[in-house]
N, C-alpha and C. Protein backbone atom coordinates (compact mmCIF):
# COMPACT_ATOMS: atom_id res chain seq x y z
N MET A 1 -50.19 90.92 -18.48
CA MET A 1 -49.11 89.97 -18.56
C MET A 1 -48.08 90.34 -17.50
N TYR A 2 -47.41 89.35 -17.00
CA TYR A 2 -46.43 89.52 -15.94
C TYR A 2 -45.11 88.91 -16.39
N LEU A 3 -44.03 89.41 -15.81
CA LEU A 3 -42.70 88.91 -16.15
C LEU A 3 -41.98 88.55 -14.86
N THR A 4 -41.45 87.34 -14.82
CA THR A 4 -40.71 86.87 -13.66
C THR A 4 -39.22 86.95 -13.95
N ASP A 5 -38.49 87.61 -13.05
CA ASP A 5 -37.04 87.63 -13.13
C ASP A 5 -36.54 86.43 -12.34
N LEU A 6 -36.03 85.42 -13.04
CA LEU A 6 -35.62 84.18 -12.39
C LEU A 6 -34.32 84.33 -11.60
N ARG A 7 -33.59 85.42 -11.79
CA ARG A 7 -32.38 85.65 -11.00
C ARG A 7 -32.72 86.09 -9.58
N THR A 8 -33.76 86.91 -9.43
CA THR A 8 -34.15 87.44 -8.13
C THR A 8 -35.48 86.91 -7.63
N ASN A 9 -36.18 86.09 -8.44
CA ASN A 9 -37.50 85.53 -8.11
C ASN A 9 -38.52 86.63 -7.85
N THR A 10 -38.46 87.68 -8.64
CA THR A 10 -39.38 88.81 -8.52
C THR A 10 -40.31 88.83 -9.72
N ILE A 11 -41.59 89.09 -9.46
CA ILE A 11 -42.60 89.14 -10.51
C ILE A 11 -42.97 90.60 -10.75
N HIS A 12 -42.92 91.02 -12.02
CA HIS A 12 -43.25 92.39 -12.41
C HIS A 12 -44.55 92.42 -13.21
N ASP A 13 -45.33 93.47 -13.00
CA ASP A 13 -46.58 93.67 -13.74
C ASP A 13 -46.26 94.53 -14.96
N LEU A 14 -46.39 93.96 -16.15
CA LEU A 14 -46.04 94.69 -17.36
C LEU A 14 -47.09 95.72 -17.77
N SER A 15 -48.26 95.70 -17.14
CA SER A 15 -49.27 96.71 -17.46
C SER A 15 -49.08 97.97 -16.62
N HIS A 16 -48.26 97.90 -15.55
CA HIS A 16 -47.96 99.06 -14.71
C HIS A 16 -46.47 99.14 -14.40
N PRO A 17 -45.61 99.19 -15.41
CA PRO A 17 -44.18 99.21 -15.12
C PRO A 17 -43.76 100.57 -14.53
N ARG A 18 -42.78 100.54 -13.68
CA ARG A 18 -42.21 101.74 -13.07
C ARG A 18 -40.75 101.83 -13.50
N TYR A 19 -40.21 103.01 -13.41
CA TYR A 19 -38.80 103.21 -13.75
C TYR A 19 -37.90 102.39 -12.83
N GLU A 20 -38.29 102.28 -11.56
CA GLU A 20 -37.47 101.59 -10.56
C GLU A 20 -37.40 100.08 -10.78
N CYS A 21 -38.31 99.54 -11.57
CA CYS A 21 -38.33 98.09 -11.81
C CYS A 21 -37.15 97.63 -12.67
N HIS A 22 -36.69 98.46 -13.59
CA HIS A 22 -35.59 98.12 -14.50
C HIS A 22 -35.88 96.84 -15.27
N ILE A 23 -37.07 96.77 -15.82
CA ILE A 23 -37.49 95.59 -16.58
C ILE A 23 -36.62 95.39 -17.82
N GLU A 24 -36.15 96.48 -18.41
CA GLU A 24 -35.33 96.36 -19.61
C GLU A 24 -33.97 95.72 -19.34
N ASP A 25 -33.55 95.66 -18.05
CA ASP A 25 -32.26 95.06 -17.70
C ASP A 25 -32.36 93.55 -17.47
N ILE A 26 -33.55 92.99 -17.51
CA ILE A 26 -33.71 91.55 -17.31
C ILE A 26 -33.32 90.84 -18.60
N PRO A 27 -32.31 89.96 -18.54
CA PRO A 27 -31.93 89.23 -19.76
C PRO A 27 -33.05 88.32 -20.26
N GLU A 28 -33.09 88.11 -21.54
CA GLU A 28 -34.15 87.30 -22.16
C GLU A 28 -34.17 85.88 -21.60
N GLU A 29 -33.00 85.30 -21.33
CA GLU A 29 -32.95 83.93 -20.84
C GLU A 29 -33.30 83.84 -19.35
N SER A 30 -33.33 84.98 -18.64
CA SER A 30 -33.67 84.97 -17.21
C SER A 30 -35.09 85.43 -16.94
N GLY A 31 -35.87 85.63 -17.97
CA GLY A 31 -37.24 86.07 -17.80
C GLY A 31 -38.23 85.00 -18.20
N LYS A 32 -39.35 84.97 -17.50
CA LYS A 32 -40.41 84.02 -17.81
C LYS A 32 -41.73 84.78 -17.79
N LYS A 33 -42.53 84.62 -18.82
CA LYS A 33 -43.81 85.32 -18.91
C LYS A 33 -44.89 84.53 -18.19
N ILE A 34 -45.75 85.25 -17.49
CA ILE A 34 -46.91 84.69 -16.81
C ILE A 34 -48.11 85.45 -17.33
N TYR A 35 -49.17 84.73 -17.65
CA TYR A 35 -50.30 85.35 -18.33
C TYR A 35 -51.49 85.66 -17.44
N THR A 36 -51.63 85.03 -16.27
CA THR A 36 -52.80 85.27 -15.44
C THR A 36 -52.42 85.67 -14.02
N LEU A 37 -53.29 86.43 -13.39
CA LEU A 37 -53.08 86.85 -12.01
C LEU A 37 -53.22 85.66 -11.05
N ASP A 38 -54.02 84.69 -11.40
CA ASP A 38 -54.17 83.50 -10.55
C ASP A 38 -52.85 82.74 -10.43
N THR A 39 -52.12 82.65 -11.50
CA THR A 39 -50.81 81.99 -11.46
C THR A 39 -49.84 82.77 -10.60
N VAL A 40 -49.88 84.09 -10.69
CA VAL A 40 -49.02 84.94 -9.85
C VAL A 40 -49.34 84.73 -8.38
N LYS A 41 -50.63 84.70 -8.04
CA LYS A 41 -51.03 84.48 -6.65
C LYS A 41 -50.55 83.14 -6.14
N ARG A 42 -50.68 82.10 -6.97
CA ARG A 42 -50.23 80.76 -6.57
C ARG A 42 -48.72 80.74 -6.35
N MET A 43 -47.98 81.40 -7.21
CA MET A 43 -46.52 81.41 -7.08
C MET A 43 -46.07 82.18 -5.83
N CYS A 44 -46.76 83.26 -5.50
CA CYS A 44 -46.39 84.07 -4.34
C CYS A 44 -46.80 83.42 -3.02
N GLU A 45 -47.91 82.70 -3.01
CA GLU A 45 -48.41 82.08 -1.79
C GLU A 45 -47.80 80.71 -1.52
N SER A 46 -47.10 80.17 -2.48
CA SER A 46 -46.50 78.86 -2.32
C SER A 46 -45.34 78.92 -1.33
N GLU A 47 -45.20 77.89 -0.54
CA GLU A 47 -44.11 77.80 0.44
C GLU A 47 -42.89 77.07 -0.11
N HIS A 48 -42.94 76.71 -1.39
CA HIS A 48 -41.83 76.00 -2.00
C HIS A 48 -40.66 76.93 -2.23
N ILE A 49 -39.50 76.34 -2.28
CA ILE A 49 -38.29 77.11 -2.58
C ILE A 49 -37.95 76.89 -4.03
N PRO A 50 -37.70 77.85 -4.85
CA PRO A 50 -37.54 79.27 -4.52
C PRO A 50 -38.89 79.95 -4.34
N ARG A 51 -38.93 80.89 -3.44
CA ARG A 51 -40.16 81.63 -3.17
C ARG A 51 -40.19 82.88 -4.04
N PHE A 52 -41.29 83.07 -4.73
CA PHE A 52 -41.46 84.23 -5.59
C PHE A 52 -42.21 85.31 -4.84
N GLN A 53 -41.92 86.56 -5.19
CA GLN A 53 -42.62 87.69 -4.60
C GLN A 53 -42.83 88.76 -5.65
N GLY A 54 -43.79 89.61 -5.40
CA GLY A 54 -44.07 90.70 -6.32
C GLY A 54 -43.05 91.81 -6.18
N CYS A 55 -42.91 92.59 -7.20
CA CYS A 55 -42.01 93.73 -7.17
C CYS A 55 -42.56 94.78 -6.20
N GLN A 56 -41.68 95.40 -5.44
CA GLN A 56 -42.15 96.37 -4.45
C GLN A 56 -42.67 97.65 -5.09
N TYR A 57 -42.36 97.89 -6.36
CA TYR A 57 -42.80 99.11 -7.02
C TYR A 57 -44.07 98.91 -7.86
N CYS A 58 -44.14 97.84 -8.64
CA CYS A 58 -45.29 97.67 -9.52
C CYS A 58 -46.30 96.66 -9.00
N MET A 59 -45.94 95.84 -8.00
CA MET A 59 -46.87 94.88 -7.41
C MET A 59 -46.70 94.86 -5.89
N PRO A 60 -46.96 95.97 -5.20
CA PRO A 60 -46.71 96.02 -3.75
C PRO A 60 -47.61 95.09 -2.93
N ASP A 61 -48.76 94.67 -3.48
CA ASP A 61 -49.65 93.77 -2.74
C ASP A 61 -49.04 92.39 -2.57
N PHE A 62 -48.12 92.02 -3.44
CA PHE A 62 -47.50 90.70 -3.37
C PHE A 62 -46.04 90.77 -2.92
N TYR A 63 -45.62 91.95 -2.46
CA TYR A 63 -44.24 92.12 -1.99
C TYR A 63 -44.15 91.68 -0.54
N PHE A 64 -43.13 90.90 -0.21
CA PHE A 64 -42.92 90.41 1.14
C PHE A 64 -41.60 90.96 1.64
N PHE A 65 -41.66 91.74 2.72
CA PHE A 65 -40.44 92.28 3.32
C PHE A 65 -40.13 91.51 4.59
N ASP A 66 -38.97 90.92 4.64
CA ASP A 66 -38.55 90.14 5.79
C ASP A 66 -37.91 91.07 6.82
N MET A 67 -38.59 91.30 7.92
CA MET A 67 -38.07 92.21 8.97
C MET A 67 -36.83 91.66 9.64
N ASN A 68 -36.59 90.35 9.57
CA ASN A 68 -35.41 89.76 10.20
C ASN A 68 -34.13 90.16 9.50
N LYS A 69 -34.22 90.60 8.26
CA LYS A 69 -33.02 90.97 7.52
C LYS A 69 -32.41 92.27 8.02
N ILE A 70 -33.20 93.12 8.67
CA ILE A 70 -32.67 94.41 9.11
C ILE A 70 -32.06 94.35 10.49
N PHE A 71 -32.24 93.24 11.20
CA PHE A 71 -31.66 93.13 12.53
C PHE A 71 -30.44 92.25 12.53
């Protein structure tokens, strides 16, 4: 099962949580549960706004780092 933080548009993997994810700090009204990996892939690959991405700690394969932000 996966949890989406709708405030930051980040998807967390609840089967591999890390301390850095701070899943316990996500308010109940700002979280949305996702049950399949196919849905997560569709949400991350979609070009629609808002764009979802995986958490850099528990889902690094779906994490997108924008290099333009550092310049």
